[in-house]
């Protein structure tokens, strides 16, 4: 039972949740256009969502990099 809770709560993605959320947000908007659910005009109107998701993923990477650099500097 503990393993199921670990999967549902995202324990496998610890430390990468921000990046995953950002990429899923961006990819879901593009995928809905790719499979034909939305038009090109709808995709263009969703551009802020797509770029926001990619920005969130990039921010997560930057924060993780800053944490690792701070840990290295503290260890010295």
C-alpha atoms as a PDB file:
ATOM      1  CA  UNK A   1       0.000   0.000   0.000  1.00  0.00           C
ATOM      2  CA  UNK A   2       2.875   2.324   0.758  1.00  0.00           C
ATOM      3  CA  UNK A   3       4.217   1.916  -2.787  1.00  0.00           C
ATOM      4  CA  UNK A   4       0.899   2.963  -4.309  1.00  0.00           C
ATOM      5  CA  UNK A   5       0.815   6.111  -2.182  1.00  0.00           C
ATOM      6  CA  UNK A   6       4.412   6.810  -3.209  1.00  0.00           C
ATOM      7  CA  UNK A   7       3.426   6.613  -6.895  1.00  0.00           C
ATOM      8  CA  UNK A   8       0.265   8.717  -6.539  1.00  0.00           C
ATOM      9  CA  UNK A   9       1.981  11.450  -4.553  1.00  0.00           C
ATOM     10  CA  UNK A  10       4.810  11.721  -7.060  1.00  0.00           C
ATOM     11  CA  UNK A  11       7.530  10.398  -4.800  1.00  0.00           C
ATOM     12  CA  UNK A  12       9.360   9.004  -7.817  1.00  0.00           C
ATOM     13  CA  UNK A  13       9.743  12.558  -9.155  1.00  0.00           C
ATOM     14  CA  UNK A  14      11.123  14.129  -5.995  1.00  0.00           C
ATOM     15  CA  UNK A  15      13.207  17.129  -6.949  1.00  0.00           C
ATOM     16  CA  UNK A  16      11.858  17.258 -10.498  1.00  0.00           C
ATOM     17  CA  UNK A  17       8.192  18.073  -9.918  1.00  0.00           C
ATOM     18  CA  UNK A  18       8.488  21.673 -11.131  1.00  0.00           C
ATOM     19  CA  UNK A  19      10.155  20.644 -14.366  1.00  0.00           C
ATOM     20  CA  UNK A  20       7.629  17.874 -14.980  1.00  0.00           C
ATOM     21  CA  UNK A  21       4.681  20.178 -14.321  1.00  0.00           C
ATOM     22  CA  UNK A  22       6.051  22.809 -16.704  1.00  0.00           C
ATOM     23  CA  UNK A  23       6.762  20.354 -19.492  1.00  0.00           C
ATOM     24  CA  UNK A  24       3.408  18.596 -19.145  1.00  0.00           C
ATOM     25  CA  UNK A  25       1.632  21.952 -19.320  1.00  0.00           C
ATOM     26  CA  UNK A  26       3.453  22.957 -22.489  1.00  0.00           C
ATOM     27  CA  UNK A  27       3.191  19.553 -24.135  1.00  0.00           C
ATOM     28  CA  UNK A  28      -0.519  19.183 -23.440  1.00  0.00           C
ATOM     29  CA  UNK A  29      -1.260  22.434 -25.266  1.00  0.00           C
ATOM     30  CA  UNK A  30       0.842  21.415 -28.259  1.00  0.00           C
ATOM     31  CA  UNK A  31      -0.483  17.848 -28.247  1.00  0.00           C
ATOM     32  CA  UNK A  32      -4.102  18.993 -28.416  1.00  0.00           C
ATOM     33  CA  UNK A  33      -3.223  20.862 -31.609  1.00  0.00           C
ATOM     34  CA  UNK A  34      -1.146  17.981 -32.990  1.00  0.00           C
ATOM     35  CA  UNK A  35      -3.993  15.470 -32.706  1.00  0.00           C
ATOM     36  CA  UNK A  36      -6.474  17.885 -34.210  1.00  0.00           C
ATOM     37  CA  UNK A  37      -8.567  18.861 -31.193  1.00  0.00           C
ATOM     38  CA  UNK A  38      -7.750  22.543 -31.600  1.00  0.00           C
ATOM     39  CA  UNK A  39      -6.993  24.773 -34.551  1.00  0.00           C
ATOM     40  CA  UNK A  40      -3.812  26.669 -35.264  1.00  0.00           C
ATOM     41  CA  UNK A  41      -5.503  29.857 -34.086  1.00  0.00           C
ATOM     42  CA  UNK A  42      -6.285  28.191 -30.743  1.00  0.00           C
ATOM     43  CA  UNK A  43      -2.672  27.077 -30.482  1.00  0.00           C
ATOM     44  CA  UNK A  44      -1.488  30.651 -31.010  1.00  0.00           C
ATOM     45  CA  UNK A  45      -3.835  31.877 -28.295  1.00  0.00           C
ATOM     46  CA  UNK A  46      -2.392  29.221 -25.975  1.00  0.00           C
ATOM     47  CA  UNK A  47       1.148  30.504 -26.576  1.00  0.00           C
ATOM     48  CA  UNK A  48       1.346  32.164 -23.129  1.00  0.00           C
ATOM     49  CA  UNK A  49       0.462  28.817 -21.524  1.00  0.00           C
ATOM     50  CA  UNK A  50       3.089  27.015 -23.581  1.00  0.00           C
ATOM     51  CA  UNK A  51       5.803  29.551 -22.842  1.00  0.00           C
ATOM     52  CA  UNK A  52       4.751  29.726 -19.209  1.00  0.00           C
ATOM     53  CA  UNK A  53       5.137  25.969 -18.865  1.00  0.00           C
ATOM     54  CA  UNK A  54       8.547  26.036 -20.505  1.00  0.00           C
ATOM     55  CA  UNK A  55       9.544  28.947 -18.293  1.00  0.00           C
ATOM     56  CA  UNK A  56       8.441  27.034 -15.214  1.00  0.00           C
ATOM     57  CA  UNK A  57      10.569  24.072 -16.277  1.00  0.00           C
ATOM     58  CA  UNK A  58      13.567  26.337 -16.878  1.00  0.00           C
ATOM     59  CA  UNK A  59      13.079  27.991 -13.508  1.00  0.00           C
ATOM     60  CA  UNK A  60      13.060  24.610 -11.810  1.00  0.00           C
ATOM     61  CA  UNK A  61      16.337  23.690 -13.479  1.00  0.00           C
ATOM     62  CA  UNK A  62      17.900  26.995 -12.434  1.00  0.00           C
ATOM     63  CA  UNK A  63      16.795  26.603  -8.822  1.00  0.00           C
ATOM     64  CA  UNK A  64      18.151  23.052  -8.676  1.00  0.00           C
ATOM     65  CA  UNK A  65      21.480  24.206 -10.117  1.00  0.00           C
ATOM     66  CA  UNK A  66      21.706  27.019  -7.573  1.00  0.00           C
ATOM     67  CA  UNK A  67      21.000  24.586  -4.729  1.00  0.00           C
ATOM     68  CA  UNK A  68      23.742  22.220  -5.855  1.00  0.00           C
ATOM     69  CA  UNK A  69      26.252  25.075  -6.205  1.00  0.00           C
ATOM     70  CA  UNK A  70      25.355  26.365  -2.743  1.00  0.00           C
ATOM     71  CA  UNK A  71      25.815  22.873  -1.287  1.00  0.00           C
ATOM     72  CA  UNK A  72      29.238  22.575  -2.944  1.00  0.00           C
ATOM     73  CA  UNK A  73      30.313  25.980  -1.650  1.00  0.00           C
ATOM     74  CA  UNK A  74      29.110  25.148   1.857  1.00  0.00           C
ATOM     75  CA  UNK A  75      31.024  21.851   1.840  1.00  0.00           C
ATOM     76  CA  UNK A  76      34.327  23.608   1.144  1.00  0.00           C
END
